[in-house]
C-alpha atoms as a PDB file:
ATOM      1  CA  MET A   1     -16.291  22.521  -8.578  1.00  0.00           C
ATOM      2  CA  GLU A   2     -17.921  23.342 -11.894  1.00  0.00           C
ATOM      3  CA  PHE A   3     -15.360  21.265 -13.725  1.00  0.00           C
ATOM      4  CA  LEU A   4     -15.862  18.345 -11.333  1.00  0.00           C
ATOM      5  CA  ASN A   5     -19.637  18.461 -11.945  1.00  0.00           C
ATOM      6  CA  LEU A   6     -18.926  18.488 -15.717  1.00  0.00           C
ATOM      7  CA  LEU A   7     -16.776  15.374 -15.335  1.00  0.00           C
ATOM      8  CA  LYS A   8     -19.533  13.664 -13.294  1.00  0.00           C
ATOM      9  CA  GLY A   9     -22.036  14.537 -15.960  1.00  0.00           C
ATOM     10  CA  TRP A  10     -19.840  13.000 -18.692  1.00  0.00           C
ATOM     11  CA  ASP A  11     -19.362   9.956 -16.501  1.00  0.00           C
ATOM     12  CA  LYS A  12     -23.097   9.444 -16.174  1.00  0.00           C
ATOM     13  CA  ASP A  13     -23.633   9.929 -19.897  1.00  0.00           C
ATOM     14  CA  LEU A  14     -20.973   7.404 -20.711  1.00  0.00           C
ATOM     15  CA  LEU A  15     -22.404   4.959 -18.227  1.00  0.00           C
ATOM     16  CA  LEU A  16     -25.874   5.199 -19.779  1.00  0.00           C
ATOM     17  CA  PHE A  17     -24.400   4.737 -23.248  1.00  0.00           C
ATOM     18  CA  LEU A  18     -22.327   1.688 -22.327  1.00  0.00           C
ATOM     19  CA  ASN A  19     -24.964   0.206 -20.009  1.00  0.00           C
ATOM     20  CA  GLY A  20     -27.793   0.697 -22.487  1.00  0.00           C
ATOM     21  CA  HIS A  21     -26.707  -1.912 -25.055  1.00  0.00           C
ATOM     22  CA  HIS A  22     -27.733  -5.344 -23.880  1.00  0.00           C
ATOM     23  CA  THR A  23     -28.440  -8.835 -25.265  1.00  0.00           C
ATOM     24  CA  PRO A  24     -29.262 -11.954 -23.286  1.00  0.00           C
ATOM     25  CA  LEU A  25     -26.063 -13.609 -24.490  1.00  0.00           C
ATOM     26  CA  TRP A  26     -23.859 -10.833 -23.156  1.00  0.00           C
ATOM     27  CA  ASP A  27     -25.962 -10.385 -19.983  1.00  0.00           C
ATOM     28  CA  TYR A  28     -25.081 -13.846 -18.816  1.00  0.00           C
ATOM     29  CA  THR A  29     -21.613 -13.937 -20.339  1.00  0.00           C
ATOM     30  CA  MET A  30     -20.600 -10.695 -18.626  1.00  0.00           C
ATOM     31  CA  THR A  31     -21.943 -12.084 -15.386  1.00  0.00           C
ATOM     32  CA  LEU A  32     -19.672 -15.121 -15.723  1.00  0.00           C
ATOM     33  CA  PHE A  33     -16.706 -12.961 -16.662  1.00  0.00           C
ATOM     34  CA  THR A  34     -17.150 -10.767 -13.546  1.00  0.00           C
ATOM     35  CA  LEU A  35     -17.065 -13.796 -11.207  1.00  0.00           C
ATOM     36  CA  THR A  36     -13.648 -14.662  -9.748  1.00  0.00           C
ATOM     37  CA  PRO A  37     -14.233 -18.496  -9.859  1.00  0.00           C
ATOM     38  CA  THR A  38     -14.668 -18.291 -13.640  1.00  0.00           C
ATOM     39  CA  TRP A  39     -10.947 -17.535 -13.973  1.00  0.00           C
ATOM     40  CA  PHE A  40      -9.580 -20.152 -11.575  1.00  0.00           C
ATOM     41  CA  LEU A  41      -8.266 -22.255 -14.445  1.00  0.00           C
ATOM     42  CA  PHE A  42      -6.566 -19.204 -15.941  1.00  0.00           C
ATOM     43  CA  TYR A  43      -5.066 -18.081 -12.661  1.00  0.00           C
ATOM     44  CA  GLY A  44      -3.976 -21.658 -11.964  1.00  0.00           C
ATOM     45  CA  MET A  45      -2.105 -21.792 -15.267  1.00  0.00           C
ATOM     46  CA  ILE A  46      -0.276 -18.601 -14.410  1.00  0.00           C
ATOM     47  CA  LEU A  47       0.671 -19.881 -10.933  1.00  0.00           C
ATOM     48  CA  ILE A  48       1.837 -23.228 -12.365  1.00  0.00           C
ATOM     49  CA  THR A  49       4.004 -21.357 -14.881  1.00  0.00           C
ATOM     50  CA  ILE A  50       5.506 -19.260 -12.086  1.00  0.00           C
ATOM     51  CA  GLY A  51       6.117 -22.380  -9.970  1.00  0.00           C
ATOM     52  CA  LYS A  52       7.972 -24.129 -12.828  1.00  0.00           C
ATOM     53  CA  LYS A  53       9.899 -21.108 -13.944  1.00  0.00           C
ATOM     54  CA  TYR A  54      11.091 -19.699 -10.657  1.00  0.00           C
ATOM     55  CA  ASP A  55      11.299 -22.918  -8.558  1.00  0.00           C
ATOM     56  CA  LYS A  56      11.996 -22.024  -4.879  1.00  0.00           C
ATOM     57  CA  LYS A  57      11.687 -18.274  -5.597  1.00  0.00           C
ATOM     58  CA  SER A  58       8.092 -18.846  -6.643  1.00  0.00           C
ATOM     59  CA  ILE A  59       7.079 -18.881  -2.950  1.00  0.00           C
ATOM     60  CA  LEU A  60       8.229 -15.281  -2.664  1.00  0.00           C
ATOM     61  CA  ILE A  61       6.215 -14.393  -5.780  1.00  0.00           C
ATOM     62  CA  PHE A  62       3.125 -16.143  -4.462  1.00  0.00           C
ATOM     63  CA  VAL A  63       3.399 -14.078  -1.241  1.00  0.00           C
ATOM     64  CA  ALA A  64       3.759 -10.934  -3.393  1.00  0.00           C
ATOM     65  CA  VAL A  65       0.579 -11.888  -5.326  1.00  0.00           C
ATOM     66  CA  ALA A  66      -1.359 -12.400  -2.085  1.00  0.00           C
ATOM     67  CA  LEU A  67      -0.149  -9.038  -0.832  1.00  0.00           C
ATOM     68  CA  LEU A  68      -1.113  -7.549  -4.189  1.00  0.00           C
ATOM     69  CA  ILE A  69      -4.697  -8.702  -3.887  1.00  0.00           C
ATOM     70  CA  LEU A  70      -4.913  -7.668  -0.216  1.00  0.00           C
ATOM     71  CA  CYS A  71      -3.645  -4.159  -0.978  1.00  0.00           C
ATOM     72  CA  ALA A  72      -5.961  -3.740  -3.998  1.00  0.00           C
ATOM     73  CA  ASP A  73      -9.020  -4.825  -1.897  1.00  0.00           C
ATOM     74  CA  GLN A  74      -8.154  -2.762   1.151  1.00  0.00           C
ATOM     75  CA  PHE A  75      -7.140   0.445  -0.546  1.00  0.00           C
ATOM     76  CA  SER A  76     -10.213   0.381  -2.815  1.00  0.00           C
ATOM     77  CA  GLY A  77     -12.320  -0.190   0.259  1.00  0.00           C
ATOM     78  CA  VAL A  78     -10.745   2.744   2.075  1.00  0.00           C
ATOM     79  CA  LEU A  79     -11.335   5.049  -0.926  1.00  0.00           C
ATOM     80  CA  LYS A  80     -14.921   3.874  -1.236  1.00  0.00           C
ATOM     81  CA  HIS A  81     -15.746   4.796   2.330  1.00  0.00           C
ATOM     82  CA  SER A  82     -13.666   8.011   2.253  1.00  0.00           C
ATOM     83  CA  ILE A  83     -15.050   9.485  -0.995  1.00  0.00           C
ATOM     84  CA  GLN A  84     -18.503   7.934  -0.609  1.00  0.00           C
ATOM     85  CA  ARG A  85     -19.623   8.211  -4.219  1.00  0.00           C
ATOM     86  CA  LEU A  86     -22.824   6.283  -4.621  1.00  0.00           C
ATOM     87  CA  ARG A  87     -23.004   3.448  -7.076  1.00  0.00           C
ATOM     88  CA  PRO A  88     -25.242   4.129 -10.106  1.00  0.00           C
ATOM     89  CA  SER A  89     -27.838   1.719  -8.785  1.00  0.00           C
ATOM     90  CA  ASN A  90     -27.916   3.627  -5.434  1.00  0.00           C
ATOM     91  CA  ASP A  91     -27.903   7.145  -6.905  1.00  0.00           C
ATOM     92  CA  PRO A  92     -31.446   8.611  -6.929  1.00  0.00           C
ATOM     93  CA  ALA A  93     -30.487  10.832  -9.832  1.00  0.00           C
ATOM     94  CA  ILE A  94     -29.786   7.911 -12.147  1.00  0.00           C
ATOM     95  CA  SER A  95     -30.848   4.669 -10.552  1.00  0.00           C
ATOM     96  CA  GLN A  96     -34.079   4.433 -12.569  1.00  0.00           C
ATOM     97  CA  LEU A  97     -32.161   4.760 -15.864  1.00  0.00           C
ATOM     98  CA  VAL A  98     -29.509   2.109 -15.128  1.00  0.00           C
ATOM     99  CA  ARG A  99     -30.051  -1.492 -15.997  1.00  0.00           C
ATOM    100  CA  VAL A 100     -28.626  -3.606 -13.149  1.00  0.00           C
ATOM    101  CA  PHE A 101     -28.443  -7.210 -14.308  1.00  0.00           C
ATOM    102  CA  PHE A 102     -26.188  -8.921 -11.834  1.00  0.00           C
ATOM    103  CA  GLU A 103     -26.132  -7.253  -8.391  1.00  0.00           C
ATOM    104  CA  LYS A 104     -26.065  -3.850  -6.764  1.00  0.00           C
ATOM    105  CA  GLY A 105     -23.008  -4.459  -4.598  1.00  0.00           C
ATOM    106  CA  GLY A 106     -22.237  -2.165  -1.680  1.00  0.00           C
ATOM    107  CA  GLU A 107     -23.427   1.378  -1.215  1.00  0.00           C
ATOM    108  CA  PHE A 108     -20.373   3.183  -2.636  1.00  0.00           C
ATOM    109  CA  GLY A 109     -18.505   2.638  -5.893  1.00  0.00           C
ATOM    110  CA  PHE A 110     -15.388   4.765  -6.190  1.00  0.00           C
ATOM    111  CA  VAL A 111     -13.046   3.056  -6.778  1.00  0.00           C
ATOM    112  CA  SER A 112     -13.882  -0.293  -8.340  1.00  0.00           C
ATOM    113  CA  ALA A 113     -12.169  -3.184  -6.435  1.00  0.00           C
ATOM    114  CA  HIS A 114     -12.657  -5.357  -9.539  1.00  0.00           C
ATOM    115  CA  ALA A 115     -10.689  -2.954 -11.669  1.00  0.00           C
ATOM    116  CA  ALA A 116      -8.041  -2.440  -8.983  1.00  0.00           C
ATOM    117  CA  ASN A 117      -7.553  -6.233  -8.635  1.00  0.00           C
ATOM    118  CA  ALA A 118      -7.489  -6.881 -12.369  1.00  0.00           C
ATOM    119  CA  PHE A 119      -5.026  -4.121 -13.176  1.00  0.00           C
ATOM    120  CA  SER A 120      -2.755  -4.690 -10.178  1.00  0.00           C
ATOM    121  CA  PHE A 121      -2.415  -8.338 -11.160  1.00  0.00           C
ATOM    122  CA  ALA A 122      -1.937  -7.441 -14.861  1.00  0.00           C
ATOM    123  CA  THR A 123       0.677  -4.767 -14.036  1.00  0.00           C
ATOM    124  CA  PHE A 124       2.635  -6.997 -11.639  1.00  0.00           C
ATOM    125  CA  SER A 125       2.601  -9.984 -13.995  1.00  0.00           C
ATOM    126  CA  ILE A 126       3.615  -7.823 -16.954  1.00  0.00           C
ATOM    127  CA  LEU A 127       6.653  -6.532 -15.024  1.00  0.00           C
ATOM    128  CA  LEU A 128       7.498 -10.044 -13.854  1.00  0.00           C
ATOM    129  CA  PHE A 129       7.146 -11.855 -17.182  1.00  0.00           C
ATOM    130  CA  ARG A 130       8.250  -9.060 -19.575  1.00  0.00           C
ATOM    131  CA  ASN A 131       6.784 -10.876 -22.601  1.00  0.00           C
ATOM    132  CA  SER A 132       5.142  -8.865 -25.390  1.00  0.00           C
ATOM    133  CA  ARG A 133       2.629 -11.577 -26.235  1.00  0.00           C
ATOM    134  CA  TYR A 134       1.514 -11.950 -22.631  1.00  0.00           C
ATOM    135  CA  THR A 135       1.246  -8.164 -22.283  1.00  0.00           C
ATOM    136  CA  ALA A 136      -0.895  -7.931 -25.447  1.00  0.00           C
ATOM    137  CA  PHE A 137      -3.354 -10.404 -23.945  1.00  0.00           C
ATOM    138  CA  ILE A 138      -3.413  -9.461 -20.276  1.00  0.00           C
ATOM    139  CA  ILE A 139      -4.185  -5.738 -20.774  1.00  0.00           C
ATOM    140  CA  PRO A 140      -7.367  -6.396 -22.815  1.00  0.00           C
ATOM    141  CA  TRP A 141      -8.260  -9.138 -20.342  1.00  0.00           C
ATOM    142  CA  ALA A 142      -8.017  -6.744 -17.359  1.00  0.00           C
ATOM    143  CA  THR A 143      -9.989  -4.069 -19.353  1.00  0.00           C
ATOM    144  CA  MET A 144     -12.717  -6.622 -20.103  1.00  0.00           C
ATOM    145  CA  LEU A 145     -13.027  -7.661 -16.425  1.00  0.00           C
ATOM    146  CA  ALA A 146     -13.263  -3.994 -15.440  1.00  0.00           C
ATOM    147  CA  TYR A 147     -15.812  -3.264 -18.165  1.00  0.00           C
ATOM    148  CA  THR A 148     -18.184  -5.987 -16.930  1.00  0.00           C
ATOM    149  CA  ARG A 149     -18.914  -3.782 -13.941  1.00  0.00           C
ATOM    150  CA  VAL A 150     -20.184  -0.953 -16.151  1.00  0.00           C
ATOM    151  CA  TYR A 151     -22.099  -3.350 -18.388  1.00  0.00           C
ATOM    152  CA  LEU A 152     -23.786  -4.900 -15.359  1.00  0.00           C
ATOM    153  CA  GLY A 153     -24.669  -1.463 -13.950  1.00  0.00           C
ATOM    154  CA  VAL A 154     -22.745  -1.548 -10.662  1.00  0.00           C
ATOM    155  CA  HIS A 155     -20.035   1.044 -11.468  1.00  0.00           C
ATOM    156  CA  TYR A 156     -19.503   4.280 -13.283  1.00  0.00           C
ATOM    157  CA  PRO A 157     -16.724   4.371 -15.925  1.00  0.00           C
ATOM    158  CA  GLY A 158     -14.953   6.781 -13.566  1.00  0.00           C
ATOM    159  CA  ASP A 159     -15.008   4.127 -10.828  1.00  0.00           C
ATOM    160  CA  ILE A 160     -13.312   1.781 -13.267  1.00  0.00           C
ATOM    161  CA  LEU A 161     -10.654   4.345 -14.338  1.00  0.00           C
ATOM    162  CA  GLY A 162      -9.907   5.143 -10.663  1.00  0.00           C
ATOM    163  CA  GLY A 163      -9.617   1.476  -9.858  1.00  0.00           C
ATOM    164  CA  ALA A 164      -7.364   0.807 -12.830  1.00  0.00           C
ATOM    165  CA  ILE A 165      -4.996   3.646 -11.822  1.00  0.00           C
ATOM    166  CA  LEU A 166      -4.888   2.374  -8.276  1.00  0.00           C
ATOM    167  CA  GLY A 167      -4.186  -1.141  -9.529  1.00  0.00           C
ATOM    168  CA  VAL A 168      -1.334  -0.037 -11.736  1.00  0.00           C
ATOM    169  CA  ILE A 169       0.274   1.841  -8.848  1.00  0.00           C
ATOM    170  CA  ILE A 170      -0.061  -1.075  -6.486  1.00  0.00           C
ATOM    171  CA  GLY A 171       1.285  -3.515  -9.093  1.00  0.00           C
ATOM    172  CA  ILE A 172       4.371  -1.437  -9.674  1.00  0.00           C
ATOM    173  CA  ILE A 173       5.034  -0.922  -5.930  1.00  0.00           C
ATOM    174  CA  ILE A 174       4.641  -4.624  -5.098  1.00  0.00           C
ATOM    175  CA  TYR A 175       6.870  -5.661  -8.003  1.00  0.00           C
ATOM    176  CA  LYS A 176       9.614  -3.242  -6.906  1.00  0.00           C
ATOM    177  CA  LEU A 177       9.279  -4.504  -3.381  1.00  0.00           C
ATOM    178  CA  LEU A 178       9.641  -8.091  -4.654  1.00  0.00           C
ATOM    179  CA  ILE A 179      12.833  -7.252  -6.607  1.00  0.00           C
ATOM    180  CA  MET A 180      14.286  -5.289  -3.650  1.00  0.00           C
ATOM    181  CA  ILE A 181      13.778  -8.273  -1.336  1.00  0.00           C
ATOM    182  CA  GLU A 182      15.209 -10.663  -3.940  1.00  0.00           C
ATOM    183  CA  LEU A 183      18.270  -8.450  -4.327  1.00  0.00           C
ATOM    184  CA  ARG A 184      18.933  -8.751  -0.567  1.00  0.00           C
ATOM    185  CA  VAL A 185      18.290 -12.525  -0.487  1.00  0.00           C
ATOM    186  CA  ASN A 186      20.111 -13.448  -3.686  1.00  0.00           C
ATOM    187  CA  PRO A 187      21.710 -10.768  -5.854  1.00  0.00           C
ATOM    188  CA  VAL A 188      22.587 -13.339  -8.523  1.00  0.00           C
ATOM    189  CA  ASN A 189      20.199 -14.648 -11.199  1.00  0.00           C
ATOM    190  CA  LEU A 190      17.513 -11.995 -10.627  1.00  0.00           C
ATOM    191  CA  MET A 191      13.903 -12.702 -11.363  1.00  0.00           C
ATOM    192  CA  SER A 192      13.867  -9.627 -13.578  1.00  0.00           C
ATOM    193  CA  ARG A 193      16.310 -11.423 -15.952  1.00  0.00           C
ATOM    194  CA  ASN A 194      14.261 -14.589 -16.226  1.00  0.00           C
ATOM    195  CA  HIS A 195      11.629 -13.386 -18.729  1.00  0.00           C
ATOM    196  CA  LEU A 196       8.666 -15.490 -19.873  1.00  0.00           C
ATOM    197  CA  LYS A 197       9.380 -17.368 -23.123  1.00  0.00           C
ATOM    198  CA  ASP A 198       6.905 -17.073 -26.019  1.00  0.00           C
ATOM    199  CA  LYS A 199       5.987 -20.785 -25.653  1.00  0.00           C
ATOM    200  CA  GLU A 200       5.126 -20.226 -21.982  1.00  0.00           C
ATOM    201  CA  ALA A 201       3.138 -17.081 -22.805  1.00  0.00           C
ATOM    202  CA  ASN A 202       1.202 -18.977 -25.499  1.00  0.00           C
ATOM    203  CA  GLN A 203       0.132 -21.637 -22.993  1.00  0.00           C
ATOM    204  CA  ILE A 204      -1.263 -19.014 -20.660  1.00  0.00           C
ATOM    205  CA  ILE A 205      -2.980 -17.155 -23.468  1.00  0.00           C
ATOM    206  CA  ILE A 206      -4.548 -20.394 -24.821  1.00  0.00           C
ATOM    207  CA  VAL A 207      -6.032 -21.156 -21.408  1.00  0.00           C
ATOM    208  CA  GLY A 208      -7.412 -17.629 -21.131  1.00  0.00           C
ATOM    209  CA  ILE A 209      -9.019 -17.770 -24.562  1.00  0.00           C
ATOM    210  CA  PHE A 210     -10.404 -21.253 -23.723  1.00  0.00           C
ATOM    211  CA  VAL A 211     -12.138 -19.857 -20.656  1.00  0.00           C
ATOM    212  CA  ILE A 212     -13.608 -16.960 -22.680  1.00  0.00           C
ATOM    213  CA  VAL A 213     -14.866 -19.232 -25.478  1.00  0.00           C
ATOM    214  CA  MET A 214     -16.252 -21.749 -23.012  1.00  0.00           C
ATOM    215  CA  CYS A 215     -18.242 -19.080 -21.180  1.00  0.00           C
ATOM    216  CA  ILE A 216     -19.758 -17.764 -24.400  1.00  0.00           C
ATOM    217  CA  SER A 217     -20.509 -21.267 -25.667  1.00  0.00           C
ATOM    218  CA  ILE A 218     -22.144 -22.446 -22.451  1.00  0.00           C
ATOM    219  CA  VAL A 219     -24.384 -19.337 -22.309  1.00  0.00           C
ATOM    220  CA  SER A 220     -25.285 -19.748 -25.999  1.00  0.00           C
ATOM    221  CA  LEU A 221     -26.153 -23.397 -25.458  1.00  0.00           C
ATOM    222  CA  LEU A 222     -28.266 -22.683 -22.381  1.00  0.00           C
ATOM    223  CA  LEU A 223     -30.092 -19.829 -24.112  1.00  0.00           C
ATOM    224  CA  SER A 224     -30.800 -21.901 -27.276  1.00  0.00           C
ATOM    225  CA  ASN A 225     -32.304 -24.620 -25.086  1.00  0.00           C
ATOM    226  CA  GLN A 226     -34.229 -22.012 -23.104  1.00  0.00           C
ATOM    227  CA  LEU A 227     -32.532 -23.056 -19.814  1.00  0.00           C
ATOM    228  CA  LEU A 228     -31.864 -19.449 -18.899  1.00  0.00           C
ATOM    229  CA  ALA A 229     -34.481 -16.785 -18.357  1.00  0.00           C
ATOM    230  CA  ILE A 230     -34.273 -14.140 -21.058  1.00  0.00           C
ATOM    231  CA  LYS A 231     -34.381 -10.725 -19.445  1.00  0.00           C
ATOM    232  CA  VAL A 232     -35.201  -7.755 -21.618  1.00  0.00           C
END
């Protein structure tokens, strides 16, 4: 119990350190990054690549992705209500010290559904694509999405770590399930042998970087023209 309290103390200290460094540019940019619709173009590019690469088998992959998201959401929700760890913004011991820029979210925070979703998708797609360039991009991308929750004050770093671990486990399980089903349906020309080419990976990465740059640019433009309220 004493060690658990020590870990919680470290978690709070790390939250206050990471959450305490703010600028108007990153306040609004992180808010955009944490929103799912921001990444529709990026997700669309990945799905288009899967559709072109795997043809009829892509339907099975799309079903796996849907199952992936469902599992990440549901399991993170079950853990939240089972463990019942208050979000920083709802914890009387720390709520007055945390800067919540975007939203408070629900009552409980462990584990982070954002982190679970981001890392389950990253893990699954890494195993599916098996391309080093894609891997080098998608892991920092998932980390960035998870970090926005700490920056915006709605999760402890421990919530993020727990969500990331859950996401990795779900990603691996769903991928193995996909391959097991594909082996039964068609044991020849396995998905696991059809790796993502560097050219295909570059296209996905370019779209991801484009979304990131556009978010920063739009926020910078709006701030420079004083079209966004500057919160200190």
